[in-house]
Amino acid sequence: MTYVSGYLLAVPTEKKDEYLALSRRAGPVFKKHGATRVVENWGADVPDGKVTSFPMATKAEEGETVVFSWMEWPSKEVADKGIKSAMEDPALAEDGDMPFDGMRMMWGGFEMIYDE
C-alpha cells in the first residue's frame, strides 16, 4: 500500500528560488532511494487562523511562506529505509545550510486510505 511522508515548514519568501533549487537537488536523491513521487507546494492561499492554521503550526513569521510537501513510497518499510539512506547520501550532505529554520519543520508518515 502506498505510504506518504509529508512535511510542513515556513520558508523566507525571499529564499523561494534557493528552496526550489534544494528541492530539485533532493528530489532525485529520494527517488534514487525508493520514493516514487516527490511533491513540493508553495503556499498561495494559506490564511491565518484563530485557533489553528498552517501559519500557526509552523510559527510562520512576517515575510515567510508556508510549504506543504510530501513523498510517496511503495510502503512504510521502503520509506524508512529510503529516507535513512537518502539522508546519508553524499549528494544531500553537500547542501550545507538549509534556506529555512529546521526547528519549525514538522513531518510524519501516513498510510494512504483513499486515492481517486
N, C-alpha and C. Protein backbone atom coordinates (compact mmCIF):
# COMPACT_ATOMS: atom_id res chain seq x y z
N MET A 1 0.84 -1.18 0.00
CA MET A 1 0.00 0.00 0.00
C MET A 1 0.89 1.25 0.00
N THR A 2 0.50 2.24 -0.74
CA THR A 2 1.28 3.48 -0.82
C THR A 2 1.41 4.12 0.55
N TYR A 3 2.60 4.60 0.83
CA TYR A 3 2.91 5.28 2.09
C TYR A 3 3.38 6.69 1.73
N VAL A 4 3.00 7.66 2.53
CA VAL A 4 3.35 9.05 2.26
C VAL A 4 4.10 9.62 3.44
N SER A 5 5.24 10.24 3.18
CA SER A 5 5.93 11.02 4.22
C SER A 5 5.73 12.48 3.84
N GLY A 6 5.14 13.22 4.76
CA GLY A 6 4.82 14.61 4.47
C GLY A 6 5.51 15.55 5.43
N TYR A 7 5.65 16.78 5.00
CA TYR A 7 6.23 17.78 5.89
C TYR A 7 5.66 19.16 5.61
N LEU A 8 5.78 19.98 6.64
CA LEU A 8 5.24 21.33 6.63
C LEU A 8 6.29 22.24 7.25
N LEU A 9 6.57 23.36 6.61
CA LEU A 9 7.56 24.29 7.13
C LEU A 9 7.31 25.68 6.59
N ALA A 10 7.98 26.65 7.16
CA ALA A 10 7.90 28.03 6.68
C ALA A 10 9.27 28.42 6.10
N VAL A 11 9.24 29.03 4.93
CA VAL A 11 10.46 29.42 4.23
C VAL A 11 10.43 30.93 4.02
N PRO A 12 11.53 31.62 4.29
CA PRO A 12 11.54 33.04 3.95
C PRO A 12 11.20 33.22 2.47
N THR A 13 10.22 34.05 2.20
CA THR A 13 9.72 34.23 0.84
C THR A 13 10.85 34.64 -0.11
N GLU A 14 11.79 35.43 0.37
CA GLU A 14 12.91 35.85 -0.48
C GLU A 14 13.84 34.69 -0.83
N LYS A 15 13.69 33.54 -0.16
CA LYS A 15 14.54 32.38 -0.44
C LYS A 15 13.81 31.31 -1.24
N LYS A 16 12.73 31.68 -1.92
CA LYS A 16 11.97 30.71 -2.71
C LYS A 16 12.85 30.03 -3.76
N ASP A 17 13.64 30.79 -4.49
CA ASP A 17 14.49 30.20 -5.53
C ASP A 17 15.52 29.26 -4.93
N GLU A 18 16.08 29.64 -3.78
CA GLU A 18 17.05 28.79 -3.09
C GLU A 18 16.39 27.50 -2.62
N TYR A 19 15.17 27.61 -2.09
CA TYR A 19 14.43 26.43 -1.64
C TYR A 19 14.11 25.52 -2.83
N LEU A 20 13.68 26.10 -3.93
CA LEU A 20 13.36 25.31 -5.12
C LEU A 20 14.61 24.61 -5.65
N ALA A 21 15.74 25.28 -5.63
CA ALA A 21 16.99 24.66 -6.06
C ALA A 21 17.32 23.46 -5.17
N LEU A 22 17.14 23.61 -3.86
CA LEU A 22 17.36 22.50 -2.94
C LEU A 22 16.41 21.35 -3.26
N SER A 23 15.15 21.66 -3.51
CA SER A 23 14.16 20.63 -3.84
C SER A 23 14.55 19.89 -5.11
N ARG A 24 15.03 20.62 -6.08
CA ARG A 24 15.41 19.99 -7.36
C ARG A 24 16.64 19.10 -7.21
N ARG A 25 17.49 19.39 -6.23
CA ARG A 25 18.64 18.51 -5.95
C ARG A 25 18.21 17.31 -5.11
N ALA A 26 17.34 17.55 -4.13
CA ALA A 26 16.95 16.49 -3.20
C ALA A 26 15.96 15.49 -3.80
N GLY A 27 15.04 15.96 -4.61
CA GLY A 27 14.02 15.07 -5.18
C GLY A 27 14.60 13.84 -5.85
N PRO A 28 15.55 14.00 -6.77
CA PRO A 28 16.13 12.83 -7.42
C PRO A 28 16.87 11.90 -6.45
N VAL A 29 17.42 12.44 -5.39
CA VAL A 29 18.11 11.61 -4.39
C VAL A 29 17.09 10.71 -3.69
N PHE A 30 15.96 11.29 -3.28
CA PHE A 30 14.94 10.49 -2.62
C PHE A 30 14.35 9.45 -3.59
N LYS A 31 14.20 9.81 -4.84
CA LYS A 31 13.70 8.85 -5.83
C LYS A 31 14.72 7.73 -6.05
N LYS A 32 15.99 8.06 -6.03
CA LYS A 32 17.04 7.05 -6.16
C LYS A 32 16.95 6.03 -5.01
N HIS A 33 16.48 6.50 -3.86
CA HIS A 33 16.40 5.64 -2.69
C HIS A 33 14.99 5.08 -2.45
N GLY A 34 14.13 5.14 -3.46
CA GLY A 34 12.86 4.42 -3.39
C GLY A 34 11.59 5.23 -3.46
N ALA A 35 11.65 6.54 -3.32
CA ALA A 35 10.43 7.34 -3.44
C ALA A 35 9.90 7.24 -4.87
N THR A 36 8.60 7.16 -5.02
CA THR A 36 8.02 7.09 -6.35
C THR A 36 7.56 8.45 -6.85
N ARG A 37 7.42 9.39 -5.91
CA ARG A 37 6.96 10.74 -6.27
C ARG A 37 7.40 11.71 -5.19
N VAL A 38 7.85 12.89 -5.61
CA VAL A 38 8.25 13.95 -4.67
C VAL A 38 7.50 15.22 -5.09
N VAL A 39 6.74 15.80 -4.16
CA VAL A 39 5.89 16.94 -4.48
C VAL A 39 6.19 18.08 -3.51
N GLU A 40 6.47 19.25 -4.04
CA GLU A 40 6.71 20.47 -3.25
C GLU A 40 5.60 21.47 -3.58
N ASN A 41 5.03 22.10 -2.56
CA ASN A 41 3.93 23.05 -2.76
C ASN A 41 4.22 24.34 -2.01
N TRP A 42 4.22 25.45 -2.73
CA TRP A 42 4.48 26.78 -2.18
C TRP A 42 3.15 27.43 -1.84
N GLY A 43 2.96 27.88 -0.61
CA GLY A 43 1.70 28.45 -0.16
C GLY A 43 1.21 29.60 -1.04
N ALA A 44 -0.05 29.52 -1.45
CA ALA A 44 -0.65 30.57 -2.27
C ALA A 44 -1.90 31.15 -1.59
N ASP A 45 -2.58 30.32 -0.81
CA ASP A 45 -3.78 30.74 -0.11
C ASP A 45 -3.79 30.03 1.24
N VAL A 46 -3.00 30.55 2.17
CA VAL A 46 -2.79 29.91 3.47
C VAL A 46 -3.12 30.93 4.56
N PRO A 47 -4.41 31.05 4.89
CA PRO A 47 -4.81 32.10 5.84
C PRO A 47 -4.41 31.80 7.28
N ASP A 48 -4.25 32.87 8.04
CA ASP A 48 -4.04 32.74 9.48
C ASP A 48 -5.34 32.26 10.10
N GLY A 49 -5.23 31.50 11.17
CA GLY A 49 -6.42 31.03 11.86
C GLY A 49 -6.53 31.67 13.23
N LYS A 50 -7.64 31.42 13.88
CA LYS A 50 -7.84 31.92 15.23
C LYS A 50 -7.47 30.86 16.27
N VAL A 51 -7.70 29.60 15.94
CA VAL A 51 -7.39 28.51 16.86
C VAL A 51 -6.17 27.73 16.37
N THR A 52 -6.16 27.40 15.08
CA THR A 52 -5.04 26.68 14.48
C THR A 52 -5.01 26.98 12.99
N SER A 53 -3.84 26.82 12.40
CA SER A 53 -3.68 27.04 10.96
C SER A 53 -2.28 26.59 10.57
N PHE A 54 -2.04 26.51 9.28
CA PHE A 54 -0.69 26.18 8.82
C PHE A 54 0.32 27.23 9.27
N PRO A 55 0.03 28.53 9.13
CA PRO A 55 1.00 29.52 9.62
C PRO A 55 1.26 29.41 11.12
N MET A 56 0.22 29.13 11.89
CA MET A 56 0.41 28.98 13.33
C MET A 56 1.24 27.73 13.64
N ALA A 57 0.96 26.64 12.95
CA ALA A 57 1.67 25.39 13.20
C ALA A 57 3.17 25.52 12.92
N THR A 58 3.52 26.28 11.89
CA THR A 58 4.92 26.45 11.53
C THR A 58 5.56 27.66 12.20
N LYS A 59 4.74 28.40 12.97
CA LYS A 59 5.19 29.66 13.58
C LYS A 59 5.76 30.60 12.51
N ALA A 60 5.06 30.62 11.36
CA ALA A 60 5.48 31.46 10.24
C ALA A 60 5.56 32.92 10.68
N GLU A 61 6.64 33.54 10.31
CA GLU A 61 6.88 34.94 10.65
C GLU A 61 6.59 35.82 9.43
N GLU A 62 6.50 37.11 9.66
CA GLU A 62 6.31 38.06 8.57
C GLU A 62 7.39 37.81 7.51
N GLY A 63 6.99 37.74 6.25
CA GLY A 63 7.96 37.53 5.17
C GLY A 63 8.28 36.07 4.92
N GLU A 64 7.50 35.16 5.50
CA GLU A 64 7.70 33.73 5.25
C GLU A 64 6.47 33.14 4.57
N THR A 65 6.69 32.09 3.81
CA THR A 65 5.62 31.39 3.11
C THR A 65 5.59 29.94 3.59
N VAL A 66 4.40 29.41 3.80
CA VAL A 66 4.26 28.02 4.23
C VAL A 66 4.44 27.09 3.03
N VAL A 67 5.22 26.03 3.26
CA VAL A 67 5.46 24.99 2.26
C VAL A 67 4.86 23.69 2.79
N PHE A 68 4.10 23.02 1.95
CA PHE A 68 3.44 21.76 2.29
C PHE A 68 3.86 20.75 1.23
N SER A 69 4.54 19.70 1.64
CA SER A 69 5.11 18.79 0.65
C SER A 69 5.04 17.34 1.11
N TRP A 70 5.20 16.44 0.15
CA TRP A 70 5.17 15.02 0.50
C TRP A 70 5.95 14.20 -0.51
N MET A 71 6.28 12.99 -0.06
CA MET A 71 6.91 11.99 -0.91
C MET A 71 6.06 10.73 -0.82
N GLU A 72 5.85 10.08 -1.96
CA GLU A 72 5.13 8.81 -1.98
C GLU A 72 6.13 7.68 -2.07
N TRP A 73 5.83 6.60 -1.37
CA TRP A 73 6.69 5.42 -1.31
C TRP A 73 5.83 4.17 -1.52
N PRO A 74 6.41 3.08 -1.98
CA PRO A 74 5.64 1.85 -2.13
C PRO A 74 5.12 1.29 -0.81
N SER A 75 5.86 1.54 0.30
CA SER A 75 5.47 1.02 1.61
C SER A 75 6.21 1.78 2.70
N LYS A 76 5.78 1.59 3.94
CA LYS A 76 6.46 2.21 5.07
C LYS A 76 7.89 1.67 5.19
N GLU A 77 8.05 0.40 4.94
CA GLU A 77 9.38 -0.21 5.04
C GLU A 77 10.35 0.42 4.04
N VAL A 78 9.88 0.63 2.82
CA VAL A 78 10.72 1.27 1.80
C VAL A 78 11.01 2.71 2.21
N ALA A 79 10.00 3.40 2.74
CA ALA A 79 10.19 4.80 3.18
C ALA A 79 11.21 4.88 4.30
N ASP A 80 11.08 4.02 5.31
CA ASP A 80 12.02 4.05 6.44
C ASP A 80 13.45 3.85 5.96
N LYS A 81 13.65 2.86 5.13
CA LYS A 81 15.00 2.58 4.61
C LYS A 81 15.45 3.69 3.65
N GLY A 82 14.56 4.14 2.77
CA GLY A 82 14.91 5.13 1.76
C GLY A 82 15.24 6.49 2.35
N ILE A 83 14.47 6.93 3.34
CA ILE A 83 14.74 8.23 3.97
C ILE A 83 16.08 8.19 4.67
N LYS A 84 16.33 7.11 5.40
CA LYS A 84 17.61 6.98 6.11
C LYS A 84 18.78 7.00 5.13
N SER A 85 18.69 6.20 4.07
CA SER A 85 19.80 6.14 3.12
C SER A 85 19.93 7.45 2.32
N ALA A 86 18.81 8.11 2.02
CA ALA A 86 18.90 9.39 1.31
C ALA A 86 19.58 10.45 2.16
N MET A 87 19.26 10.47 3.45
CA MET A 87 19.87 11.46 4.35
C MET A 87 21.37 11.22 4.51
N GLU A 88 21.82 10.00 4.28
CA GLU A 88 23.25 9.66 4.35
C GLU A 88 23.94 9.80 2.99
N ASP A 89 23.17 10.03 1.94
CA ASP A 89 23.71 10.14 0.59
C ASP A 89 24.58 11.39 0.48
N PRO A 90 25.79 11.26 -0.04
CA PRO A 90 26.68 12.43 -0.18
C PRO A 90 26.07 13.57 -0.98
N ALA A 91 25.15 13.27 -1.89
CA ALA A 91 24.52 14.33 -2.68
C ALA A 91 23.70 15.28 -1.81
N LEU A 92 23.15 14.80 -0.70
CA LEU A 92 22.42 15.67 0.22
C LEU A 92 23.35 16.28 1.25
N ALA A 93 24.38 15.57 1.60
CA ALA A 93 25.32 16.08 2.60
C ALA A 93 26.03 17.34 2.13
N GLU A 94 26.12 17.53 0.84
CA GLU A 94 26.81 18.70 0.26
C GLU A 94 26.00 19.98 0.38
N ASP A 95 24.73 19.88 0.75
CA ASP A 95 23.86 21.05 0.71
C ASP A 95 24.19 22.11 1.75
N GLY A 96 24.76 21.73 2.89
CA GLY A 96 25.12 22.73 3.89
C GLY A 96 23.90 23.37 4.52
N ASP A 97 23.86 24.70 4.57
CA ASP A 97 22.77 25.42 5.23
C ASP A 97 21.46 25.27 4.47
N MET A 98 20.40 25.07 5.23
CA MET A 98 19.06 24.98 4.67
C MET A 98 18.47 26.40 4.59
N PRO A 99 17.67 26.68 3.57
CA PRO A 99 17.07 28.02 3.43
C PRO A 99 15.81 28.20 4.28
N PHE A 100 15.75 27.51 5.42
CA PHE A 100 14.60 27.61 6.32
C PHE A 100 15.06 27.19 7.71
N ASP A 101 14.22 27.45 8.71
CA ASP A 101 14.50 27.08 10.09
C ASP A 101 13.99 25.67 10.33
N GLY A 102 14.88 24.71 10.36
CA GLY A 102 14.51 23.31 10.53
C GLY A 102 13.86 23.01 11.86
N MET A 103 14.05 23.85 12.85
CA MET A 103 13.43 23.64 14.16
C MET A 103 11.91 23.82 14.09
N ARG A 104 11.43 24.51 13.06
CA ARG A 104 9.98 24.72 12.91
C ARG A 104 9.38 23.83 11.84
N MET A 105 10.16 22.88 11.36
CA MET A 105 9.68 21.92 10.37
C MET A 105 9.02 20.75 11.09
N MET A 106 7.87 20.32 10.58
CA MET A 106 7.24 19.12 11.13
C MET A 106 7.02 18.13 10.01
N TRP A 107 7.08 16.85 10.37
CA TRP A 107 6.93 15.82 9.36
C TRP A 107 6.30 14.59 9.99
N GLY A 108 5.83 13.71 9.16
CA GLY A 108 5.25 12.48 9.64
C GLY A 108 4.97 11.55 8.47
N GLY A 109 4.67 10.31 8.81
CA GLY A 109 4.36 9.29 7.81
C GLY A 109 2.89 8.92 7.88
N PHE A 110 2.32 8.66 6.72
CA PHE A 110 0.88 8.41 6.62
C PHE A 110 0.60 7.24 5.69
N GLU A 111 -0.31 6.37 6.11
CA GLU A 111 -0.79 5.31 5.23
C GLU A 111 -1.94 5.88 4.42
N MET A 112 -1.87 5.71 3.12
CA MET A 112 -2.92 6.22 2.26
C MET A 112 -4.17 5.36 2.44
N ILE A 113 -5.31 6.00 2.69
CA ILE A 113 -6.56 5.24 2.88
C ILE A 113 -7.59 5.53 1.79
N TYR A 114 -7.34 6.57 1.00
CA TYR A 114 -8.26 6.88 -0.09
C TYR A 114 -7.49 7.62 -1.16
N ASP A 115 -7.67 7.20 -2.42
CA ASP A 115 -6.99 7.85 -3.54
C ASP A 115 -7.84 7.64 -4.77
N GLU A 116 -8.29 8.72 -5.37
CA GLU A 116 -9.10 8.59 -6.58
C GLU A 116 -8.52 9.44 -7.68
